Amino acid sequence: MDSFVYRDGQLCVEDVPLTAVAERFGTPCYVYSHAALTQTFQSFVRPFGARPHLICYAAKANSSLAILNLFARLGSGFDIVSGGELERVLAAGGQADKVVFSGVGKRKDEIVLALEHEILCFNVESESELARISQLAAATGRTARISLRVNPDVDPKTHPYISTGLKENKFGVPVDEAVRIYRHARTLPGVAIAGIDYHIGSQITEIPPFLDALDTLLSLVDQLRAEGIVLHHLDLGGGLGIRYHDEIPPAPAEYIGALLQRLAARQHTILLEPGRALVGNAGVLLTRVEYLKHGETRNFAVVDAAMNDLLRPALYDAFHEIRPVAQRRGNERRYEVVGPICESGDFLGHDRLLDLREGDLMSVMSAGAYGMSMSSNYNTRPRAPEVMANGSELQLIRQRETVAELMAHETVSAISSAQKN
């Protein structure tokens, strides 16, 4: 479903013109579609039919409480990578027994917090982490359900910054070390082996890398069974891509169907950890043109959104379609769409053919994933508000920050120059 369409020449979110969003909440502003979030989640659930499964939304993609709450009400589990994300999930109504805890650097306090809430599983990424979890679980009289994250050394054919399953990546343990580590885990106090896990990367637009990784995993599962190590679930990670520009990613049904075909003879519960695929195309960043600068070699559209609001273009040179909110044709020029931050890398789009006037609204598309969750306060810029559209209704789900709030936890040093000397 495309929840962002033109009606009478105006770009709308569901039944609401984006001009109305800007009038009520200002710009820059993140805008999400309740219908798109709901339908995309259901598109991951339906292909499983009666097969035992759990969709664990990767909270890092967008951890806004309203979005977490929506997925929780739809029955979602959650993939987290910090204690803070666990607290967000719980505050949003998520169930701890549907949470898997990934990440290479779990601190002691984060592990204890997860043990106290009896989460579904720790996705263990190193032998040192396994030892720490065992020690903390035993010391607190609890049992940690664990799954070893194995590194299948599969090239996901994506941007190197979001590739996570190659030998040189920091994630997981080498696949040829996994059996030995599982043998060791079986002997540790406070640990119960629950499953096995991999995650090969993000924004993957082809099915073969997923199947290559699954074949490696299933071979390892058979080796473990021969050792008497029986697994309850297989966590096949996430990474399914979305359309930003000209990509043609498989639909969730096609992707899941290919996985289930390989898994037909297996009885394990299947876990998936989609993030971007659930929220990416369900959100946009609404921004306004402040100035137009026409030059000999380049034209610049200076907008009020910036790299602190949406980091992906500056970080990955990522492409986001940019649409004018009011359709207009006849005076198109090629523009660099840039923000007001004092960095040459502060851009939202290169070489875009647009008919613009100062004051025009524009929509940066496919901004629901890794937009708000990666935003910052660089240049002392308050973070943007977030709005959820549901039919003709608009709900403010995060207020715009104020500069006073940014300074609230700071103090001016009380150490005098005399004391320093």
Protein backbone atom coordinates (compact mmCIF):
# COMPACT_ATOMS: atom_id res chain seq x y z
CA MET A 1 0.00 0.00 0.00
CA ASP A 2 1.23 3.48 -0.89
CA SER A 3 -0.13 5.75 1.83
CA PHE A 4 1.54 8.84 0.36
CA VAL A 5 -0.26 9.82 -2.85
CA TYR A 6 -1.27 12.97 -4.70
CA ARG A 7 -4.90 14.05 -4.55
CA ASP A 8 -5.95 17.15 -6.45
CA GLY A 9 -2.31 18.07 -6.89
CA GLN A 10 -1.47 17.82 -3.17
CA LEU A 11 0.66 15.07 -1.60
CA CYS A 12 -1.31 13.40 1.18
CA VAL A 13 -0.65 10.95 4.00
CA GLU A 14 -3.67 8.67 4.03
CA ASP A 15 -6.59 11.17 3.94
CA VAL A 16 -4.66 14.23 5.14
CA PRO A 17 -2.80 16.73 2.90
CA LEU A 18 0.76 17.22 4.09
CA THR A 19 0.12 20.96 3.95
CA ALA A 20 -2.26 20.44 6.89
CA VAL A 21 0.48 18.60 8.80
CA ALA A 22 2.90 21.49 8.24
CA GLU A 23 0.31 24.05 9.32
CA ARG A 24 -0.37 22.24 12.61
CA PHE A 25 3.07 20.96 13.55
CA GLY A 26 5.62 22.95 11.54
CA THR A 27 8.68 21.69 9.70
CA PRO A 28 10.86 19.72 9.67
CA CYS A 29 8.52 16.97 10.81
CA TYR A 30 8.39 13.18 10.54
CA VAL A 31 5.04 11.84 9.35
CA TYR A 32 3.96 8.17 9.49
CA SER A 33 1.03 6.19 8.13
CA HIS A 34 -0.78 3.93 10.61
CA ALA A 35 -2.29 1.94 7.73
CA ALA A 36 1.07 1.36 6.04
CA LEU A 37 2.67 0.17 9.29
CA THR A 38 -0.22 -2.20 9.97
CA GLN A 39 -0.42 -3.66 6.49
CA THR A 40 3.34 -4.16 6.18
CA PHE A 41 3.48 -6.01 9.50
CA GLN A 42 0.62 -8.25 8.42
CA SER A 43 2.43 -8.95 5.13
CA PHE A 44 5.17 -10.62 7.19
CA VAL A 45 2.75 -12.64 9.31
CA ARG A 46 0.40 -14.03 6.64
CA PRO A 47 2.94 -16.14 4.66
CA PHE A 48 3.71 -18.26 7.73
CA GLY A 49 0.18 -19.62 8.00
CA ALA A 50 0.09 -22.18 10.81
CA ARG A 51 3.89 -22.45 10.98
CA PRO A 52 5.15 -21.45 14.48
CA HIS A 53 6.91 -18.11 14.12
CA LEU A 54 7.61 -14.76 15.74
CA ILE A 55 8.22 -11.48 13.94
CA CYS A 56 10.68 -9.54 16.12
CA TYR A 57 10.68 -5.94 14.94
CA ALA A 58 14.21 -4.49 14.99
CA ALA A 59 13.61 -1.53 17.30
CA LYS A 60 16.75 0.28 16.13
CA ALA A 61 15.05 1.12 12.82
CA ASN A 62 12.57 3.40 14.59
CA SER A 63 12.08 3.18 18.35
CA SER A 64 9.30 5.75 18.74
CA LEU A 65 6.92 4.57 21.45
CA ALA A 66 3.80 4.88 19.31
CA ILE A 67 5.28 2.67 16.60
CA LEU A 68 6.51 0.10 19.12
CA ASN A 69 3.05 0.12 20.70
CA LEU A 70 1.33 -0.39 17.36
CA PHE A 71 3.48 -3.41 16.59
CA ALA A 72 3.05 -4.79 20.11
CA ARG A 73 -0.74 -4.63 19.70
CA LEU A 74 -0.36 -6.51 16.41
CA GLY A 75 1.46 -9.31 18.27
CA SER A 76 5.03 -8.40 17.42
CA GLY A 77 8.13 -9.48 19.24
CA PHE A 78 11.17 -7.20 19.31
CA ASP A 79 14.85 -7.37 18.46
CA ILE A 80 16.79 -5.00 20.73
CA VAL A 81 20.45 -3.99 20.93
CA SER A 82 20.55 -2.06 24.22
CA GLY A 83 19.03 -1.83 27.66
CA GLY A 84 17.47 1.45 26.60
CA GLU A 85 15.63 -0.26 23.75
CA LEU A 86 14.36 -2.90 26.19
CA GLU A 87 12.98 -0.17 28.44
CA ARG A 88 11.34 1.48 25.43
CA VAL A 89 9.73 -1.79 24.34
CA LEU A 90 8.36 -2.43 27.83
CA ALA A 91 7.11 1.17 28.18
CA ALA A 92 5.30 0.78 24.85
CA GLY A 93 3.48 -2.38 25.97
CA GLY A 94 5.78 -4.98 24.43
CA GLN A 95 6.14 -8.38 26.10
CA ALA A 96 9.55 -9.24 27.52
CA ASP A 97 9.07 -12.91 26.64
CA LYS A 98 8.96 -11.86 22.98
CA VAL A 99 12.27 -9.95 23.09
CA VAL A 100 15.58 -11.11 21.65
CA PHE A 101 18.69 -9.18 22.71
CA SER A 102 21.32 -8.78 19.98
CA GLY A 103 24.47 -6.64 19.83
CA VAL A 104 28.19 -7.17 20.32
CA GLY A 105 28.71 -5.04 23.44
CA LYS A 106 26.08 -5.92 26.05
CA ARG A 107 27.02 -4.31 29.36
CA LYS A 108 26.58 -6.05 32.73
CA ASP A 109 23.72 -3.79 33.77
CA GLU A 110 21.93 -4.40 30.47
CA ILE A 111 22.25 -8.16 30.85
CA VAL A 112 20.96 -8.03 34.43
CA LEU A 113 18.00 -5.90 33.31
CA ALA A 114 17.14 -8.42 30.60
CA LEU A 115 17.48 -11.32 33.04
CA GLU A 116 15.17 -9.60 35.52
CA HIS A 117 12.51 -9.25 32.84
CA GLU A 118 13.03 -12.84 31.62
CA ILE A 119 13.39 -12.01 27.94
CA LEU A 120 12.94 -14.69 25.30
CA CYS A 121 16.58 -15.01 24.28
CA PHE A 122 20.06 -13.48 24.28
CA ASN A 123 21.67 -13.59 20.82
CA VAL A 124 25.24 -14.21 21.99
CA GLU A 125 27.99 -12.72 19.83
CA SER A 126 31.23 -13.88 21.50
CA GLU A 127 32.63 -16.41 23.97
CA SER A 128 33.40 -13.60 26.39
CA GLU A 129 29.79 -12.48 26.30
CA LEU A 130 28.63 -16.06 26.88
CA ALA A 131 30.83 -16.28 29.98
CA ARG A 132 29.50 -12.95 31.28
CA ILE A 133 25.86 -13.98 30.78
CA SER A 134 26.47 -17.30 32.54
CA GLN A 135 28.16 -15.63 35.50
CA LEU A 136 25.45 -12.99 35.91
CA ALA A 137 22.60 -15.47 35.49
CA ALA A 138 24.08 -17.89 38.01
CA ALA A 139 24.79 -15.09 40.50
CA THR A 140 21.17 -13.92 40.37
CA GLY A 141 19.63 -17.39 40.38
CA ARG A 142 18.16 -16.96 36.93
CA THR A 143 18.41 -18.87 33.66
CA ALA A 144 19.41 -17.10 30.46
CA ARG A 145 18.01 -18.60 27.27
CA ILE A 146 20.70 -18.17 24.65
CA SER A 147 21.15 -18.41 20.92
CA LEU A 148 24.58 -18.17 19.33
CA ARG A 149 24.86 -15.65 16.51
CA VAL A 150 26.93 -17.32 13.85
CA ASN A 151 28.68 -15.52 11.03
CA PRO A 152 27.98 -17.47 7.81
CA ASP A 153 30.45 -15.40 5.73
CA VAL A 154 27.85 -14.56 3.08
CA ASP A 155 28.12 -11.44 0.95
CA PRO A 156 24.71 -9.70 1.13
CA LYS A 157 25.62 -7.39 -1.79
CA THR A 158 24.68 -4.24 0.09
CA HIS A 159 26.51 -1.13 1.35
CA PRO A 160 29.64 -2.17 3.30
CA TYR A 161 28.54 -0.19 6.36
CA ILE A 162 25.40 -2.35 6.68
CA SER A 163 26.96 -5.69 5.78
CA THR A 164 27.13 -7.82 8.94
CA GLY A 165 27.73 -11.42 7.88
CA LEU A 166 31.25 -11.45 6.40
CA LYS A 167 34.36 -12.79 8.13
CA GLU A 168 35.75 -9.29 8.58
CA ASN A 169 32.62 -7.95 10.29
CA LYS A 170 32.50 -7.51 14.06
CA PHE A 171 29.28 -9.46 14.50
CA GLY A 172 28.78 -13.06 15.61
CA VAL A 173 31.17 -15.98 15.89
CA PRO A 174 32.80 -17.88 13.01
CA VAL A 175 30.59 -20.69 11.79
CA ASP A 176 33.43 -23.22 12.13
CA GLU A 177 33.75 -22.34 15.84
CA ALA A 178 30.06 -22.67 16.61
CA VAL A 179 29.86 -26.37 17.51
CA ARG A 180 32.70 -26.05 20.00
CA ILE A 181 31.11 -22.99 21.62
CA TYR A 182 27.73 -24.72 21.85
CA ARG A 183 29.42 -27.69 23.54
CA HIS A 184 30.91 -25.27 26.06
CA ALA A 185 27.58 -23.46 26.55
CA ARG A 186 25.93 -26.77 27.44
CA THR A 187 28.23 -27.07 30.47
CA LEU A 188 27.73 -23.54 31.83
CA PRO A 189 25.55 -22.68 34.83
CA GLY A 190 22.67 -20.30 34.33
CA VAL A 191 22.45 -20.95 30.59
CA ALA A 192 19.83 -22.80 28.54
CA ILE A 193 20.39 -23.29 24.82
CA ALA A 194 17.27 -22.14 22.96
CA GLY A 195 18.24 -21.54 19.34
CA ILE A 196 20.67 -20.29 16.76
CA ASP A 197 20.82 -16.95 14.99
CA TYR A 198 22.34 -15.09 12.06
CA HIS A 199 21.93 -11.68 10.47
CA ILE A 200 23.86 -10.99 7.27
CA GLY A 201 23.11 -7.33 6.64
CA SER A 202 20.56 -4.67 5.79
CA GLN A 203 18.81 -3.37 2.65
CA ILE A 204 19.24 -6.71 0.86
CA THR A 205 17.24 -6.79 -2.39
CA GLU A 206 17.91 -10.35 -3.60
CA ILE A 207 16.83 -13.70 -2.17
CA PRO A 208 19.97 -15.83 -2.90
CA PRO A 209 22.12 -14.35 -0.07
CA PHE A 210 19.38 -15.24 2.44
CA LEU A 211 19.21 -18.80 1.11
CA ASP A 212 23.01 -19.18 1.10
CA ALA A 213 23.12 -18.16 4.75
CA LEU A 214 20.22 -20.49 5.60
CA ASP A 215 21.93 -23.45 3.94
CA THR A 216 25.03 -22.81 6.05
CA LEU A 217 22.89 -22.54 9.16
CA LEU A 218 20.98 -25.76 8.49
CA SER A 219 24.21 -27.69 8.01
CA LEU A 220 25.31 -26.42 11.41
CA VAL A 221 21.94 -27.35 12.95
CA ASP A 222 22.45 -30.92 11.74
CA GLN A 223 25.93 -31.02 13.27
CA LEU A 224 24.55 -29.81 16.57
CA ARG A 225 21.78 -32.41 16.53
CA ALA A 226 24.39 -35.12 16.03
CA GLU A 227 26.04 -33.78 19.20
CA GLY A 228 22.75 -34.06 21.08
CA ILE A 229 22.18 -30.28 21.07
CA VAL A 230 18.56 -29.69 20.12
CA LEU A 231 17.40 -26.19 19.18
CA HIS A 232 13.90 -24.80 19.71
CA HIS A 233 14.07 -21.89 17.27
CA LEU A 234 15.98 -20.65 14.24
CA ASP A 235 16.42 -16.87 14.16
CA LEU A 236 17.00 -15.92 10.52
CA GLY A 237 17.64 -12.24 11.22
CA GLY A 238 16.33 -9.42 9.08
CA GLY A 239 17.71 -7.28 6.29
CA LEU A 240 15.01 -7.40 3.62
CA GLY A 241 15.32 -4.20 1.62
CA ILE A 242 12.79 -1.64 0.46
CA ARG A 243 12.41 0.50 -2.63
CA TYR A 244 14.13 3.87 -2.26
CA HIS A 245 14.78 4.59 -5.93
CA ASP A 246 14.96 1.88 -8.57
CA GLU A 247 15.46 -1.20 -6.38
CA ILE A 248 13.09 -4.13 -6.91
CA PRO A 249 13.21 -6.03 -3.61
CA PRO A 250 11.20 -9.22 -3.19
CA ALA A 251 7.86 -8.91 -1.43
CA PRO A 252 7.73 -10.36 2.10
CA ALA A 253 5.61 -13.27 0.86
CA GLU A 254 8.19 -14.16 -1.81
CA TYR A 255 11.08 -13.88 0.66
CA ILE A 256 9.37 -15.88 3.41
CA GLY A 257 8.08 -18.44 0.92
CA ALA A 258 11.62 -19.13 -0.27
CA LEU A 259 12.80 -19.59 3.32
CA LEU A 260 9.91 -21.89 4.23
CA GLN A 261 10.55 -24.04 1.19
CA ARG A 262 14.04 -24.74 2.54
CA LEU A 263 12.60 -25.34 6.02
CA ALA A 264 9.73 -27.64 5.07
CA ALA A 265 11.24 -30.68 6.82
CA ARG A 266 12.16 -28.76 9.97
CA GLN A 267 9.94 -28.33 13.02
CA HIS A 268 11.67 -25.32 14.57
CA THR A 269 9.90 -22.09 15.41
CA ILE A 270 11.13 -19.43 12.99
CA LEU A 271 12.09 -15.94 14.14
CA LEU A 272 12.61 -12.99 11.78
CA GLU A 273 13.98 -9.55 12.69
CA PRO A 274 12.71 -7.08 10.06
CA GLY A 275 13.20 -3.40 10.74
CA ARG A 276 13.52 -1.20 7.65
CA ALA A 277 11.09 -3.43 5.73
CA LEU A 278 8.37 -2.69 8.29
CA VAL A 279 8.77 1.06 8.73
CA GLY A 280 10.91 2.48 5.92
CA ASN A 281 8.22 3.30 3.39
CA ALA A 282 5.64 4.12 6.08
CA GLY A 283 7.24 7.47 6.93
CA VAL A 284 8.42 10.70 5.33
CA LEU A 285 10.37 13.76 6.44
CA LEU A 286 8.40 16.91 5.69
CA THR A 287 10.55 20.00 5.07
CA ARG A 288 10.23 23.55 3.72
CA VAL A 289 12.40 25.46 1.24
CA GLU A 290 14.05 28.40 2.98
CA TYR A 291 16.16 29.75 0.12
CA LEU A 292 16.93 29.05 -3.54
CA LYS A 293 20.47 29.80 -4.72
CA HIS A 294 20.99 29.72 -8.49
CA GLY A 295 24.61 29.55 -9.61
CA GLU A 296 26.67 29.01 -12.74
CA THR A 297 27.45 25.35 -12.01
CA ARG A 298 24.89 24.35 -9.38
CA ASN A 299 21.54 25.35 -7.98
CA PHE A 300 20.85 24.88 -4.30
CA ALA A 301 17.54 24.42 -2.54
CA VAL A 302 18.26 25.20 1.10
CA VAL A 303 15.63 23.50 3.27
CA ASP A 304 14.94 23.51 7.00
CA ALA A 305 15.69 19.80 7.44
CA ALA A 306 19.30 18.72 7.69
CA MET A 307 21.71 15.86 8.25
CA ASN A 308 20.94 15.94 11.97
CA ASP A 309 17.33 15.10 11.06
CA LEU A 310 18.11 12.48 8.39
CA LEU A 311 21.68 11.20 8.47
CA ARG A 312 21.46 8.46 5.84
CA PRO A 313 22.37 10.58 2.78
CA ALA A 314 25.47 12.02 4.48
CA LEU A 315 26.46 8.72 6.10
CA TYR A 316 25.87 6.28 3.23
CA ASP A 317 25.33 8.59 0.26
CA ALA A 318 21.87 7.04 0.43
CA PHE A 319 19.18 8.02 -2.07
CA HIS A 320 15.77 9.24 -0.91
CA GLU A 321 13.16 10.35 -3.42
CA ILE A 322 12.17 13.99 -2.84
CA ARG A 323 8.68 15.02 -3.90
CA PRO A 324 7.16 18.51 -3.90
CA VAL A 325 4.03 18.59 -1.76
CA ALA A 326 2.23 20.76 -4.33
CA GLN A 327 2.58 19.43 -7.86
CA ARG A 328 3.87 22.06 -10.26
CA ARG A 329 5.39 21.69 -13.70
CA GLY A 330 7.02 24.01 -16.19
CA ASN A 331 10.07 25.56 -14.52
CA GLU A 332 12.11 22.55 -13.44
CA ARG A 333 15.76 22.97 -12.60
CA ARG A 334 18.32 20.59 -11.18
CA TYR A 335 18.91 21.26 -7.51
CA GLU A 336 21.19 20.16 -4.76
CA VAL A 337 18.79 19.80 -1.82
CA VAL A 338 20.80 20.84 1.23
CA GLY A 339 20.28 21.75 4.86
CA PRO A 340 21.49 24.66 7.03
CA ILE A 341 24.16 22.72 8.96
CA CYS A 342 27.76 23.92 8.57
CA GLU A 343 29.06 20.79 6.85
CA SER A 344 29.57 20.25 3.13
CA GLY A 345 28.12 16.77 3.66
CA ASP A 346 24.80 18.23 4.82
CA PHE A 347 22.56 17.23 1.92
CA LEU A 348 19.32 15.33 1.41
CA GLY A 349 19.57 14.85 -2.34
CA HIS A 350 21.82 15.53 -5.32
CA ASP A 351 20.84 16.71 -8.79
CA ARG A 352 17.06 16.59 -8.36
CA LEU A 353 14.83 17.95 -11.13
CA LEU A 354 12.28 20.15 -9.32
CA ASP A 355 10.08 23.18 -9.94
CA LEU A 356 10.49 25.13 -6.70
CA ARG A 357 9.66 28.43 -5.03
CA GLU A 358 10.95 29.66 -1.69
CA GLY A 359 8.50 28.54 0.98
CA ASP A 360 7.48 25.36 -0.87
CA LEU A 361 6.99 22.16 1.10
CA MET A 362 8.84 19.02 0.08
CA SER A 363 8.59 15.43 1.27
CA VAL A 364 11.67 13.26 1.68
CA MET A 365 10.27 9.81 1.04
CA SER A 366 11.06 6.42 2.62
CA ALA A 367 12.28 8.09 5.82
CA GLY A 368 10.51 5.87 8.34
CA ALA A 369 13.62 3.78 9.06
CA TYR A 370 16.86 5.14 10.50
CA GLY A 371 15.57 8.71 10.29
CA MET A 372 14.36 9.75 13.72
CA SER A 373 16.30 6.96 15.45
CA MET A 374 19.64 8.26 14.09
CA SER A 375 18.84 11.97 14.46
CA SER A 376 20.94 14.25 16.64
CA ASN A 377 21.18 17.76 18.05
CA TYR A 378 24.22 18.83 16.02
CA ASN A 379 24.43 22.64 15.70
CA THR A 380 22.06 22.77 18.72
CA ARG A 381 19.11 21.86 16.52
CA PRO A 382 16.09 20.49 18.41
CA ARG A 383 14.91 17.20 16.99
CA ALA A 384 11.81 17.18 14.83
CA PRO A 385 8.35 16.18 16.02
CA GLU A 386 6.70 12.95 14.86
CA VAL A 387 3.10 12.69 13.69
CA MET A 388 0.99 9.59 13.00
CA ALA A 389 -1.83 9.72 10.46
CA ASN A 390 -4.75 7.31 10.77
CA GLY A 391 -7.30 7.96 8.06
CA SER A 392 -8.28 11.61 8.51
CA GLU A 393 -6.88 11.82 12.06
CA LEU A 394 -3.48 13.19 13.06
CA GLN A 395 -1.75 12.38 16.35
CA LEU A 396 1.38 14.08 17.65
CA ILE A 397 3.46 11.15 18.91
CA ARG A 398 6.61 13.12 19.76
CA GLN A 399 6.76 16.84 20.47
CA ARG A 400 9.38 19.04 18.88
CA GLU A 401 12.29 19.53 21.26
CA THR A 402 13.21 22.97 22.55
CA VAL A 403 16.66 24.46 23.00
CA ALA A 404 15.93 24.78 26.72
CA GLU A 405 15.38 21.01 26.89
CA LEU A 406 18.72 20.43 25.15
CA MET A 407 20.51 22.44 27.84
CA ALA A 408 18.50 21.13 30.80
CA HIS A 409 21.10 18.54 31.87
CA GLU A 410 24.14 20.81 31.51
CA THR A 411 25.88 23.09 34.00
CA VAL A 412 28.39 25.89 33.76
CA SER A 413 31.62 24.89 35.46
CA ALA A 414 31.93 26.14 39.05
CA ILE A 415 35.71 25.75 39.03
CA SER A 416 37.26 29.20 39.04
CA SER A 417 40.46 30.07 37.24
CA ALA A 418 42.07 30.69 40.64
CA GLN A 419 41.24 27.17 41.82
CA LYS A 420 42.72 25.74 38.62
CA ASN A 421 45.99 27.45 39.41
